[in-house]
Amino acid sequence: MNKAVHFGAGNIGRGFLGQLYSQSGWKTVFVDVDDVVLDALNIRGGYQIHIVDRESYIIDVENVRAVRGTDTNTVAEELKQADLVSTAVGQNVLKAIAPSLAAGIALRAEGGKPLNILLCENMLNAAQTMRTYLDEFVPDHASRYLEEKVGLIETVISRMVPITPPEKREEDPLYIAVEDFSILPFDAKAFVGPYPDIKGLQPTHDLAAYTEKKLFIHNGAHYLLALWGHEKGYEFVWQSAEDKEIVDRTIAAIRPVAKALAIKYEWGADEVLNYLQNIIQRTQNRGLGDTVSRVARDPARKLGRRDRLVGAALLALQFGIEPEGLVEGIVSALRYNHPEDKGAGELQTIMKTETPEAVLSKICGLSSSEPLFRMIAESVAKT
């Protein structure tokens, strides 16, 4: 039986990768630091995934065990025998797992068998970032192996996996609920050797196109639904997705970047707009229980120059398309505040102490000479 080692036994790890491996007849070794989750995985040897969609059902994930992420030697031994590795730990934790990955790479270098690592991180330039971390920790004797035999594979995470409510986690530390969608596009060009026969893995030779479509349309629409739902006092994103005024406003805002993507990648306009409509429909899934506060949180990060709103607006302008609705969304994000969101509170402090121009430079990475800078500044001044 083939073995996958997956870093991060959280929502994406258990709720997505674990399912794909199990349904493909693979065994999975999770690497994590949560003792409660680790113990539960090792005692049960599996868990259940609750699919909540038009038809709800349960998937049994089998052939599972777990090891502690801080036990570098044990993790390295697991990596030595792995047929595939994947990560879903979050941008801030990638560097923390690099020493264990490097130790495993050093062991594998002795045999020379290629190692492919699926980076399921929902971040731009994940492969380059991971390469930088590994270069720091991989010993000299394994550097050539890292360069030639280790594939750092970027992916596009499109499955919606909301945060598990605390009460559900208390009842069962392994409880996970997800939507039915389970396709994982990955960068085919970065793979070393033949692709593994794993259900749901979809090789693509133009991952940048998938990444931008997912970031600017999927993430962008999801974020706008949350922001404008917050302004109406909604608790759940599905409430926004069923509010015709918010949906129409969201579609109008995303339409310019959808048109720009169609031009850039020579897609049919209907294809991109249908993708947007599909995202709206998937977001109406009440069973996911996704909250407005979760999706709207940490606005400063999501207002980055290359992220879902500012990046989308810049792309639209690049093709001569006015991003009026996206500018409205950016202003809503700049004004977003929630008492339990530390990041939102920090942004509001910056908004009160800095000039709008300084905020757009510091948070959005925009210069005063750019048209988008002027459009946002004027919109902020009017509200």
Protein backbone atom coordinates (compact mmCIF):
# COMPACT_ATOMS: atom_id res chain seq x y z
CA MET A 1 0.00 0.00 0.00
CA ASN A 2 1.37 3.42 -0.99
CA LYS A 3 2.02 5.90 1.80
CA ALA A 4 1.41 9.63 1.92
CA VAL A 5 2.84 11.82 4.67
CA HIS A 6 0.74 14.92 5.25
CA PHE A 7 1.79 17.88 7.39
CA GLY A 8 -1.19 19.43 9.16
CA ALA A 9 -4.10 17.36 10.49
CA GLY A 10 -6.47 20.32 10.33
CA ASN A 11 -9.43 21.15 8.13
CA ILE A 12 -7.73 20.85 4.74
CA GLY A 13 -5.55 17.92 5.80
CA ARG A 14 -8.30 15.74 7.24
CA GLY A 15 -11.14 17.26 5.25
CA PHE A 16 -9.56 17.06 1.80
CA LEU A 17 -6.17 15.34 1.37
CA GLY A 18 -7.01 12.52 3.77
CA GLN A 19 -10.12 11.72 1.76
CA LEU A 20 -8.28 11.68 -1.58
CA TYR A 21 -5.58 9.37 -0.23
CA SER A 22 -8.01 6.98 1.45
CA GLN A 23 -10.32 6.74 -1.56
CA SER A 24 -7.29 5.94 -3.70
CA GLY A 25 -6.24 3.03 -1.48
CA TRP A 26 -3.32 4.84 0.13
CA LYS A 27 -2.42 4.99 3.81
CA THR A 28 -1.87 8.40 5.38
CA VAL A 29 0.53 9.48 8.11
CA PHE A 30 -0.48 12.85 9.53
CA VAL A 31 2.16 15.11 11.09
CA ASP A 32 0.82 17.57 13.65
CA VAL A 33 1.39 18.98 17.15
CA ASP A 34 -2.15 18.76 18.54
CA ASP A 35 -1.97 15.91 21.07
CA VAL A 36 -5.74 15.45 21.22
CA VAL A 37 -5.99 15.05 17.45
CA LEU A 38 -2.87 12.86 17.27
CA ASP A 39 -4.16 10.50 19.97
CA ALA A 40 -7.60 10.26 18.36
CA LEU A 41 -6.12 9.43 14.95
CA ASN A 42 -3.85 6.75 16.37
CA ILE A 43 -6.53 5.17 18.55
CA ARG A 44 -9.16 5.03 15.81
CA GLY A 45 -6.97 4.55 12.75
CA GLY A 46 -9.40 6.68 10.77
CA TYR A 47 -12.26 9.17 10.95
CA GLN A 48 -15.40 10.28 9.17
CA ILE A 49 -15.93 13.22 6.83
CA HIS A 50 -19.42 14.73 6.79
CA ILE A 51 -20.31 15.86 3.28
CA VAL A 52 -22.89 18.64 3.56
CA ASP A 53 -24.35 19.55 0.20
CA ARG A 54 -27.59 19.03 -1.68
CA GLU A 55 -27.15 15.42 -0.66
CA SER A 56 -25.47 14.86 2.71
CA TYR A 57 -23.56 11.69 3.44
CA ILE A 58 -20.53 10.36 5.31
CA ILE A 59 -17.17 9.21 3.94
CA ASP A 60 -15.02 6.86 6.00
CA VAL A 61 -11.31 7.68 5.87
CA GLU A 62 -9.24 4.60 6.69
CA ASN A 63 -5.59 3.48 7.05
CA VAL A 64 -4.59 6.53 9.05
CA ARG A 65 -2.05 7.14 11.79
CA ALA A 66 -0.18 10.18 13.11
CA VAL A 67 3.21 11.31 14.44
CA ARG A 68 4.21 14.38 16.40
CA GLY A 69 5.66 17.19 14.32
CA THR A 70 8.32 18.08 16.90
CA ASP A 71 9.81 14.57 16.72
CA THR A 72 12.13 15.36 13.81
CA ASN A 73 13.79 11.94 13.63
CA THR A 74 10.48 10.05 13.52
CA VAL A 75 9.08 12.39 10.88
CA ALA A 76 12.24 12.03 8.82
CA GLU A 77 11.96 8.23 8.90
CA GLU A 78 8.35 8.46 7.71
CA LEU A 79 9.44 10.75 4.88
CA LYS A 80 12.20 8.34 3.89
CA GLN A 81 9.58 5.71 2.97
CA ALA A 82 6.86 8.05 1.65
CA ASP A 83 5.48 7.83 -1.88
CA LEU A 84 4.11 11.37 -1.69
CA VAL A 85 4.19 14.28 0.77
CA SER A 86 1.71 17.11 1.19
CA THR A 87 1.33 20.15 3.43
CA ALA A 88 -1.60 22.23 4.62
CA VAL A 89 -0.21 24.11 7.59
CA GLY A 90 -0.62 27.77 6.65
CA GLN A 91 1.91 30.32 5.49
CA ASN A 92 3.12 31.14 9.00
CA VAL A 93 3.95 27.50 9.81
CA LEU A 94 5.78 26.51 6.64
CA LYS A 95 9.17 27.46 8.04
CA ALA A 96 8.48 25.49 11.22
CA ILE A 97 8.11 22.22 9.28
CA ALA A 98 11.16 22.85 7.10
CA PRO A 99 13.68 21.21 9.51
CA SER A 100 11.73 17.93 9.54
CA LEU A 101 11.29 18.02 5.79
CA ALA A 102 14.99 18.73 5.37
CA ALA A 103 15.89 15.80 7.62
CA GLY A 104 13.71 13.50 5.54
CA ILE A 105 15.20 14.84 2.32
CA ALA A 106 18.69 14.16 3.68
CA LEU A 107 17.75 10.52 4.35
CA ARG A 108 16.15 10.07 0.93
CA ALA A 109 19.20 11.55 -0.81
CA GLU A 110 21.07 8.35 0.05
CA GLY A 111 18.75 6.27 -2.15
CA GLY A 112 18.03 8.89 -4.78
CA LYS A 113 14.30 8.14 -5.17
CA PRO A 114 12.40 11.34 -6.14
CA LEU A 115 10.16 13.05 -3.59
CA ASN A 116 7.18 15.20 -4.55
CA ILE A 117 5.60 17.60 -2.06
CA LEU A 118 2.12 18.97 -2.71
CA LEU A 119 1.90 22.46 -1.22
CA CYS A 120 -1.77 22.98 -0.34
CA GLU A 121 -1.32 26.40 1.19
CA ASN A 122 -3.60 28.88 -0.59
CA MET A 123 -0.70 31.30 -1.04
CA LEU A 124 1.15 32.78 -3.97
CA ASN A 125 4.70 31.54 -4.66
CA ALA A 126 4.39 28.68 -2.17
CA ALA A 127 7.07 26.65 -3.99
CA GLN A 128 9.59 29.48 -3.98
CA THR A 129 8.92 30.16 -0.30
CA MET A 130 9.33 26.50 0.63
CA ARG A 131 12.50 26.23 -1.45
CA THR A 132 14.02 29.14 0.48
CA TYR A 133 13.24 27.47 3.80
CA LEU A 134 14.61 24.10 2.70
CA ASP A 135 17.82 25.66 1.36
CA GLU A 136 18.45 26.88 4.91
CA PHE A 137 18.10 23.45 6.54
CA VAL A 138 19.04 20.78 3.98
CA PRO A 139 22.66 19.66 4.55
CA ASP A 140 25.22 20.20 1.82
CA HIS A 141 25.42 16.53 0.85
CA ALA A 142 21.70 16.55 -0.04
CA SER A 143 21.58 19.90 -1.85
CA ARG A 144 21.94 18.36 -5.30
CA TYR A 145 19.18 15.85 -4.51
CA LEU A 146 16.95 18.74 -3.41
CA GLU A 147 17.63 20.58 -6.64
CA GLU A 148 17.14 17.66 -9.01
CA LYS A 149 14.86 15.11 -7.33
CA VAL A 150 12.48 17.06 -5.05
CA GLY A 151 9.34 18.46 -6.65
CA LEU A 152 7.71 21.37 -4.85
CA ILE A 153 4.20 21.30 -6.31
CA GLU A 154 1.84 24.25 -5.98
CA THR A 155 -1.88 23.44 -5.88
CA VAL A 156 -5.18 25.28 -6.00
CA ILE A 157 -7.39 24.54 -2.98
CA SER A 158 -10.99 25.03 -4.09
CA ARG A 159 -12.93 22.87 -1.63
CA MET A 160 -14.81 24.89 0.99
CA VAL A 161 -13.88 23.62 4.44
CA PRO A 162 -15.14 25.94 7.20
CA ILE A 163 -13.78 26.12 10.73
CA THR A 164 -15.26 23.40 12.95
CA PRO A 165 -17.50 24.93 15.66
CA PRO A 166 -15.99 24.60 19.17
CA GLU A 167 -18.94 22.56 20.42
CA LYS A 168 -18.47 20.02 17.62
CA ARG A 169 -14.74 19.84 18.33
CA GLU A 170 -15.45 19.14 22.00
CA GLU A 171 -17.78 16.30 21.08
CA ASP A 172 -15.30 14.83 18.60
CA PRO A 173 -11.80 16.27 17.96
CA LEU A 174 -11.83 14.66 14.50
CA TYR A 175 -15.22 16.02 13.38
CA ILE A 176 -15.03 17.59 9.95
CA ALA A 177 -17.74 18.86 7.57
CA VAL A 178 -17.02 19.86 3.96
CA GLU A 179 -18.75 20.44 0.65
CA ASP A 180 -18.84 17.71 -1.99
CA PHE A 181 -16.40 19.39 -4.44
CA SER A 182 -13.08 17.50 -4.30
CA ILE A 183 -10.81 18.38 -7.24
CA LEU A 184 -7.21 19.43 -6.55
CA PRO A 185 -5.40 21.00 -9.55
CA PHE A 186 -1.61 20.87 -9.25
CA ASP A 187 1.39 22.19 -11.18
CA ALA A 188 2.21 19.35 -13.55
CA LYS A 189 5.46 20.96 -14.71
CA ALA A 190 6.94 20.89 -11.21
CA PHE A 191 6.33 17.17 -10.66
CA VAL A 192 9.35 14.86 -10.71
CA GLY A 193 8.57 11.53 -12.34
CA PRO A 194 5.15 10.02 -13.10
CA TYR A 195 2.01 11.40 -11.48
CA PRO A 196 0.53 9.31 -8.65
CA ASP A 197 -2.79 7.57 -9.25
CA ILE A 198 -4.79 9.53 -6.70
CA LYS A 199 -8.46 10.32 -7.14
CA GLY A 200 -9.15 14.05 -7.44
CA LEU A 201 -5.61 15.15 -8.35
CA GLN A 202 -5.78 17.12 -11.59
CA PRO A 203 -2.51 17.95 -13.39
CA THR A 204 -2.45 21.31 -15.14
CA HIS A 205 0.31 22.89 -17.20
CA ASP A 206 -0.87 26.45 -16.54
CA LEU A 207 -1.41 26.65 -12.81
CA ALA A 208 -1.09 30.45 -12.81
CA ALA A 209 -4.38 30.65 -14.69
CA TYR A 210 -6.15 28.40 -12.19
CA THR A 211 -4.58 30.29 -9.30
CA GLU A 212 -5.70 33.69 -10.53
CA LYS A 213 -9.20 32.45 -11.33
CA LYS A 214 -9.52 30.93 -7.89
CA LEU A 215 -8.01 33.93 -6.07
CA PHE A 216 -9.78 36.72 -7.91
CA ILE A 217 -13.16 35.07 -8.57
CA HIS A 218 -13.64 32.41 -5.90
CA ASN A 219 -11.85 34.09 -3.00
CA GLY A 220 -12.82 37.56 -4.17
CA ALA A 221 -16.55 36.81 -4.39
CA HIS A 222 -16.48 34.89 -1.10
CA TYR A 223 -14.78 37.82 0.62
CA LEU A 224 -17.19 40.41 -0.79
CA LEU A 225 -20.18 38.34 0.32
CA ALA A 226 -18.74 38.33 3.84
CA LEU A 227 -17.87 42.04 3.90
CA TRP A 228 -21.25 43.17 2.65
CA GLY A 229 -23.00 40.58 4.80
CA HIS A 230 -21.23 42.07 7.82
CA GLU A 231 -22.57 45.50 6.89
CA LYS A 232 -26.09 44.03 6.97
CA GLY A 233 -25.53 42.25 10.27
CA TYR A 234 -25.52 38.69 8.90
CA GLU A 235 -23.84 35.89 10.85
CA PHE A 236 -23.40 33.35 8.04
CA VAL A 237 -22.08 33.72 4.51
CA TRP A 238 -25.01 31.73 3.13
CA GLN A 239 -27.29 34.54 4.28
CA SER A 240 -25.35 36.95 2.07
CA ALA A 241 -25.41 34.46 -0.80
CA GLU A 242 -29.21 34.37 -0.60
CA ASP A 243 -29.55 38.16 -0.43
CA LYS A 244 -30.27 39.29 -4.00
CA GLU A 245 -28.93 42.80 -3.42
CA ILE A 246 -25.59 41.51 -2.12
CA VAL A 247 -25.33 38.81 -4.81
CA ASP A 248 -26.04 41.30 -7.61
CA ARG A 249 -23.52 43.69 -6.10
CA THR A 250 -20.91 40.93 -5.82
CA ILE A 251 -21.40 39.71 -9.39
CA ALA A 252 -21.15 43.29 -10.69
CA ALA A 253 -17.92 43.79 -8.71
CA ILE A 254 -16.30 40.55 -9.92
CA ARG A 255 -17.43 40.88 -13.55
CA PRO A 256 -14.55 43.24 -14.56
CA VAL A 257 -11.82 40.88 -13.38
CA ALA A 258 -13.71 37.92 -14.90
CA LYS A 259 -13.61 39.73 -18.24
CA ALA A 260 -9.92 40.52 -17.79
CA LEU A 261 -9.11 36.87 -17.05
CA ALA A 262 -11.06 35.78 -20.12
CA ILE A 263 -8.95 38.11 -22.25
CA LYS A 264 -5.65 37.21 -20.58
CA TYR A 265 -6.06 33.44 -20.84
CA GLU A 266 -8.27 33.36 -23.95
CA TRP A 267 -11.19 31.81 -22.11
CA GLY A 268 -14.79 32.18 -23.17
CA ALA A 269 -16.51 34.99 -21.24
CA ASP A 270 -19.43 32.67 -20.44
CA GLU A 271 -17.02 30.08 -18.99
CA VAL A 272 -15.62 32.53 -16.44
CA LEU A 273 -18.99 34.01 -15.51
CA ASN A 274 -20.44 30.51 -15.10
CA TYR A 275 -17.58 29.77 -12.71
CA LEU A 276 -18.60 32.85 -10.70
CA GLN A 277 -22.24 31.76 -10.62
CA ASN A 278 -21.15 28.30 -9.47
CA ILE A 279 -19.18 29.83 -6.60
CA ILE A 280 -22.25 31.82 -5.50
CA GLN A 281 -24.35 28.64 -5.56
CA ARG A 282 -21.78 26.68 -3.56
CA THR A 283 -21.62 29.49 -1.00
CA GLN A 284 -25.38 29.15 -0.45
CA ASN A 285 -24.69 25.79 1.19
CA ARG A 286 -26.17 26.25 4.69
CA GLY A 287 -24.73 23.00 5.91
CA LEU A 288 -21.20 24.41 5.85
CA GLY A 289 -22.13 26.97 8.49
CA ASP A 290 -19.37 29.28 7.30
CA THR A 291 -19.42 32.52 9.27
CA VAL A 292 -19.07 36.06 8.01
CA SER A 293 -16.48 36.78 10.72
CA ARG A 294 -14.23 33.91 9.57
CA VAL A 295 -14.28 34.84 5.89
CA ALA A 296 -13.92 38.60 6.50
CA ARG A 297 -11.18 38.35 9.13
CA ASP A 298 -7.65 39.71 8.81
CA PRO A 299 -8.48 42.43 6.24
CA ALA A 300 -4.98 43.90 6.02
CA ARG A 301 -3.57 40.63 4.64
CA LYS A 302 -6.43 40.30 2.17
CA LEU A 303 -5.89 43.86 0.92
CA GLY A 304 -2.38 43.13 -0.31
CA ARG A 305 -1.35 44.29 -3.75
CA ARG A 306 -1.52 40.81 -5.25
CA ASP A 307 -4.47 39.53 -3.23
CA ARG A 308 -8.14 39.01 -4.01
CA LEU A 309 -9.44 42.59 -4.30
CA VAL A 310 -6.53 44.92 -5.04
CA GLY A 311 -4.87 42.39 -7.33
CA ALA A 312 -8.17 41.82 -9.16
CA ALA A 313 -8.73 45.56 -9.61
CA LEU A 314 -5.21 46.05 -10.95
CA LEU A 315 -5.69 43.22 -13.44
CA ALA A 316 -8.99 44.72 -14.65
CA LEU A 317 -7.33 48.11 -15.14
CA GLN A 318 -4.48 46.43 -17.01
CA PHE A 319 -7.03 45.46 -19.67
CA GLY A 320 -8.77 48.83 -19.64
CA ILE A 321 -11.78 47.70 -17.59
CA GLU A 322 -13.06 49.92 -14.76
CA PRO A 323 -13.24 48.02 -11.43
CA GLU A 324 -15.82 50.24 -9.72
CA GLY A 325 -17.40 47.46 -7.64
CA LEU A 326 -14.02 46.13 -6.55
CA VAL A 327 -13.11 49.62 -5.32
CA GLU A 328 -16.31 49.60 -3.24
CA GLY A 329 -15.24 46.25 -1.81
CA ILE A 330 -11.77 47.55 -0.99
CA VAL A 331 -13.29 50.49 0.89
CA SER A 332 -15.57 48.09 2.81
CA ALA A 333 -12.53 46.00 3.73
CA LEU A 334 -10.65 49.10 4.89
CA ARG A 335 -13.57 49.96 7.16
CA TYR A 336 -14.27 46.41 8.35
CA ASN A 337 -14.14 46.00 12.10
CA HIS A 338 -15.10 43.16 14.43
CA PRO A 339 -14.49 43.10 18.19
CA GLU A 340 -13.01 39.58 18.07
CA ASP A 341 -10.78 40.20 15.05
CA LYS A 342 -7.38 41.43 16.21
CA GLY A 343 -6.26 42.12 12.65
CA ALA A 344 -9.32 44.24 11.94
CA GLY A 345 -8.70 46.25 15.11
CA GLU A 346 -5.09 46.87 14.12
CA LEU A 347 -6.20 48.05 10.68
CA GLN A 348 -8.69 50.47 12.22
CA THR A 349 -5.93 51.89 14.42
CA ILE A 350 -3.82 52.49 11.30
CA MET A 351 -6.81 54.07 9.55
CA LYS A 352 -7.24 56.52 12.44
CA THR A 353 -3.58 57.43 12.83
CA GLU A 354 -2.38 57.48 9.22
CA THR A 355 -3.51 59.45 6.19
CA PRO A 356 -5.54 57.53 3.57
CA GLU A 357 -2.56 57.83 1.23
CA ALA A 358 -0.23 56.24 3.77
CA VAL A 359 -2.72 53.43 4.38
CA LEU A 360 -2.99 52.62 0.68
CA SER A 361 0.79 52.56 0.42
CA LYS A 362 1.40 50.52 3.59
CA ILE A 363 -1.52 48.06 3.38
CA CYS A 364 -2.28 47.82 -0.34
CA GLY A 365 1.19 48.42 -1.75
CA LEU A 366 -0.11 51.12 -4.10
CA SER A 367 1.78 54.21 -5.17
CA SER A 368 0.13 57.61 -5.53
CA SER A 369 0.85 57.62 -9.28
CA GLU A 370 -1.42 54.62 -9.93
CA PRO A 371 -5.02 55.11 -11.09
CA LEU A 372 -6.31 52.58 -8.56
CA PHE A 373 -4.73 54.58 -5.74
CA ARG A 374 -6.69 57.66 -6.82
CA MET A 375 -9.94 55.71 -7.26
CA ILE A 376 -9.78 54.21 -3.77
CA ALA A 377 -8.70 57.49 -2.13
CA GLU A 378 -11.59 59.36 -3.74
CA SER A 379 -14.05 56.67 -2.70
CA VAL A 380 -12.78 56.71 0.89
CA ALA A 381 -13.15 60.51 0.97
CA LYS A 382 -16.78 60.28 -0.14
CA THR A 383 -17.82 57.81 2.56
